[in-house]
Amino acid sequence: MALTRGQPGWENMARREVSADHSTLTLDELALAIKNSVDDEKLPEEAARDMAYRVLNFFGHSDRMVDNILEPIDRDPFYMLEDIGILTTEMEEVTIYDGKEWRIHYWLFRNDRIRELIERKAAASGEDGDSGSVYDSLTDDVWQYKKR
């Protein structure tokens, strides 16, 4: 039986091992990298997390995945992540039994770019020494326009 989002243990499904440094790329880390790659106001945290979950489940515990398992609708997030530098592609040519060349296309995570995106937000907040805007601490009722 497959686990679905919201069931106990579903977060553990969305992990994979990074071959370069043998650390684990978690769902939270990939979601943060996705969120940090676009304007904060344009992509809600939940949308970044859902995209990370979906992509990580295709990869499983592997360093790369075969492109031909994706349906056309599944490719859209992969192309978006490729555009922002989180994913890349590679191709392998193999000779099949009748001597013909067969091309296999793969998707791979760019671990260096993912780490850079994760660390970007921490570095930006550390340089300012400020935890945010003074307006962030104001409650919603302060922003209500009152007619006189």
Protein backbone atom coordinates (compact mmCIF):
# COMPACT_ATOMS: atom_id res chain seq x y z
CA MET A 1 0.00 0.00 0.00
CA ALA A 2 1.39 3.39 -1.01
CA LEU A 3 1.60 6.21 1.48
CA THR A 4 -0.12 9.44 0.59
CA ARG A 5 0.48 12.96 1.79
CA GLY A 6 -0.73 13.42 5.34
CA GLN A 7 -0.31 9.81 6.43
CA PRO A 8 2.29 9.05 9.11
CA GLY A 9 5.67 8.40 7.50
CA TRP A 10 5.00 10.10 4.17
CA GLU A 11 7.78 12.62 4.76
CA ASN A 12 10.33 9.79 4.92
CA MET A 13 9.42 8.70 1.41
CA ALA A 14 10.59 12.02 -0.02
CA ARG A 15 14.31 11.70 0.70
CA ARG A 16 17.26 10.68 -1.36
CA GLU A 17 20.98 10.31 -0.88
CA VAL A 18 23.29 12.87 -2.44
CA SER A 19 26.26 11.07 -3.94
CA ALA A 20 28.80 13.92 -3.72
CA ASP A 21 28.91 14.26 0.04
CA HIS A 22 26.73 11.34 1.17
CA SER A 23 24.35 13.63 2.99
CA THR A 24 20.61 13.41 2.66
CA LEU A 25 18.62 15.98 0.75
CA THR A 26 15.42 16.33 2.72
CA LEU A 27 12.01 17.47 1.67
CA ASP A 28 12.43 20.64 3.74
CA GLU A 29 15.79 21.45 2.13
CA LEU A 30 14.51 21.05 -1.43
CA ALA A 31 11.37 23.05 -0.61
CA LEU A 32 13.55 25.84 0.83
CA ALA A 33 15.79 25.82 -2.27
CA ILE A 34 12.71 26.06 -4.52
CA LYS A 35 11.22 28.85 -2.40
CA ASN A 36 14.52 30.77 -2.33
CA SER A 37 14.87 30.51 -6.11
CA VAL A 38 11.77 32.60 -6.76
CA ASP A 39 10.32 35.74 -5.22
CA ASP A 40 9.00 34.92 -1.74
CA GLU A 41 5.64 36.58 -2.37
CA LYS A 42 5.02 34.69 -5.62
CA LEU A 43 5.41 31.15 -4.34
CA PRO A 44 3.70 30.10 -1.12
CA GLU A 45 5.68 27.80 1.15
CA GLU A 46 3.09 25.03 0.78
CA ALA A 47 3.38 25.14 -3.02
CA ALA A 48 7.19 24.86 -2.83
CA ARG A 49 6.85 21.94 -0.41
CA ASP A 50 4.32 20.15 -2.62
CA MET A 51 6.58 20.54 -5.66
CA ALA A 52 9.59 19.26 -3.70
CA TYR A 53 7.57 16.27 -2.46
CA ARG A 54 6.38 15.42 -5.96
CA VAL A 55 9.85 15.65 -7.50
CA LEU A 56 11.61 13.73 -4.71
CA ASN A 57 9.14 10.89 -5.03
CA PHE A 58 10.12 10.43 -8.67
CA PHE A 59 13.80 10.27 -7.69
CA GLY A 60 13.36 7.97 -4.72
CA HIS A 61 16.78 7.18 -3.25
CA SER A 62 18.63 7.51 -6.53
CA ASP A 63 21.00 10.16 -7.82
CA ARG A 64 19.21 10.31 -11.15
CA MET A 65 15.96 9.22 -12.73
CA VAL A 66 14.99 8.14 -16.21
CA ASP A 67 13.00 10.76 -18.10
CA ASN A 68 10.66 8.35 -19.88
CA ILE A 69 8.77 7.48 -16.69
CA LEU A 70 7.33 11.00 -16.64
CA GLU A 71 3.94 11.81 -18.11
CA PRO A 72 3.72 15.12 -19.99
CA ILE A 73 1.92 16.79 -17.06
CA ASP A 74 4.69 15.63 -14.69
CA ARG A 75 7.39 17.28 -16.79
CA ASP A 76 6.27 20.86 -16.11
CA PRO A 77 7.80 21.09 -12.61
CA PHE A 78 10.96 19.42 -13.90
CA TYR A 79 11.34 22.02 -16.64
CA MET A 80 10.72 24.81 -14.13
CA LEU A 81 13.37 23.40 -11.78
CA GLU A 82 15.75 23.06 -14.72
CA ASP A 83 15.19 26.73 -15.61
CA ILE A 84 16.11 27.84 -12.08
CA GLY A 85 19.14 25.55 -11.97
CA ILE A 86 18.00 22.92 -9.47
CA LEU A 87 17.79 20.11 -12.03
CA THR A 88 19.84 19.27 -15.08
CA THR A 89 19.68 16.57 -17.73
CA GLU A 90 22.09 14.11 -19.22
CA MET A 91 21.90 11.60 -22.03
CA GLU A 92 23.44 8.16 -22.40
CA GLU A 93 23.69 6.16 -25.61
CA VAL A 94 23.64 2.39 -25.35
CA THR A 95 23.77 -0.26 -28.03
CA ILE A 96 20.78 -2.60 -27.93
CA TYR A 97 20.76 -6.24 -29.02
CA ASP A 98 20.21 -5.53 -32.76
CA GLY A 99 23.12 -3.06 -32.91
CA LYS A 100 21.01 0.09 -32.87
CA GLU A 101 21.85 3.00 -30.61
CA TRP A 102 19.31 3.79 -27.91
CA ARG A 103 19.30 7.16 -26.17
CA ILE A 104 18.35 7.31 -22.51
CA HIS A 105 17.63 10.71 -20.99
CA TYR A 106 18.05 11.33 -17.26
CA TRP A 107 17.19 14.06 -14.77
CA LEU A 108 19.76 14.89 -12.05
CA PHE A 109 19.81 17.22 -9.07
CA ARG A 110 22.43 19.99 -9.13
CA ASN A 111 23.55 19.64 -5.52
CA ASP A 112 25.85 22.66 -5.68
CA ARG A 113 22.99 24.92 -6.81
CA ILE A 114 20.59 23.46 -4.22
CA ARG A 115 23.07 24.12 -1.41
CA GLU A 116 23.67 27.64 -2.74
CA LEU A 117 19.93 28.38 -2.71
CA ILE A 118 19.53 26.95 0.79
CA GLU A 119 22.41 29.04 2.13
CA ARG A 120 21.42 32.22 0.26
CA LYS A 121 18.57 33.11 2.61
CA ALA A 122 20.64 32.40 5.72
CA ALA A 123 23.51 34.53 4.41
CA ALA A 124 21.20 37.40 3.48
CA SER A 125 19.56 37.49 6.90
CA GLY A 126 22.94 37.16 8.64
CA GLU A 127 24.46 40.12 6.78
CA ASP A 128 21.69 42.51 7.72
CA GLY A 129 21.69 41.60 11.38
CA ASP A 130 17.99 42.40 11.24
CA SER A 131 15.35 39.71 11.64
CA GLY A 132 12.92 41.48 9.31
CA SER A 133 11.01 44.62 8.64
CA VAL A 134 9.46 46.61 11.44
CA TYR A 135 6.16 46.25 9.58
CA ASP A 136 6.26 42.44 9.91
CA SER A 137 5.45 42.71 13.61
CA LEU A 138 2.27 44.72 13.05
CA THR A 139 -1.05 42.90 13.31
CA ASP A 140 -3.64 42.82 10.52
CA ASP A 141 -5.97 45.21 12.35
CA VAL A 142 -3.34 47.97 12.10
CA TRP A 143 -3.54 47.76 8.33
CA GLN A 144 -7.31 48.22 8.16
CA TYR A 145 -8.31 51.51 6.59
CA LYS A 146 -10.80 53.41 8.69
CA LYS A 147 -13.17 55.99 7.25
CA ARG A 148 -13.85 59.05 9.34
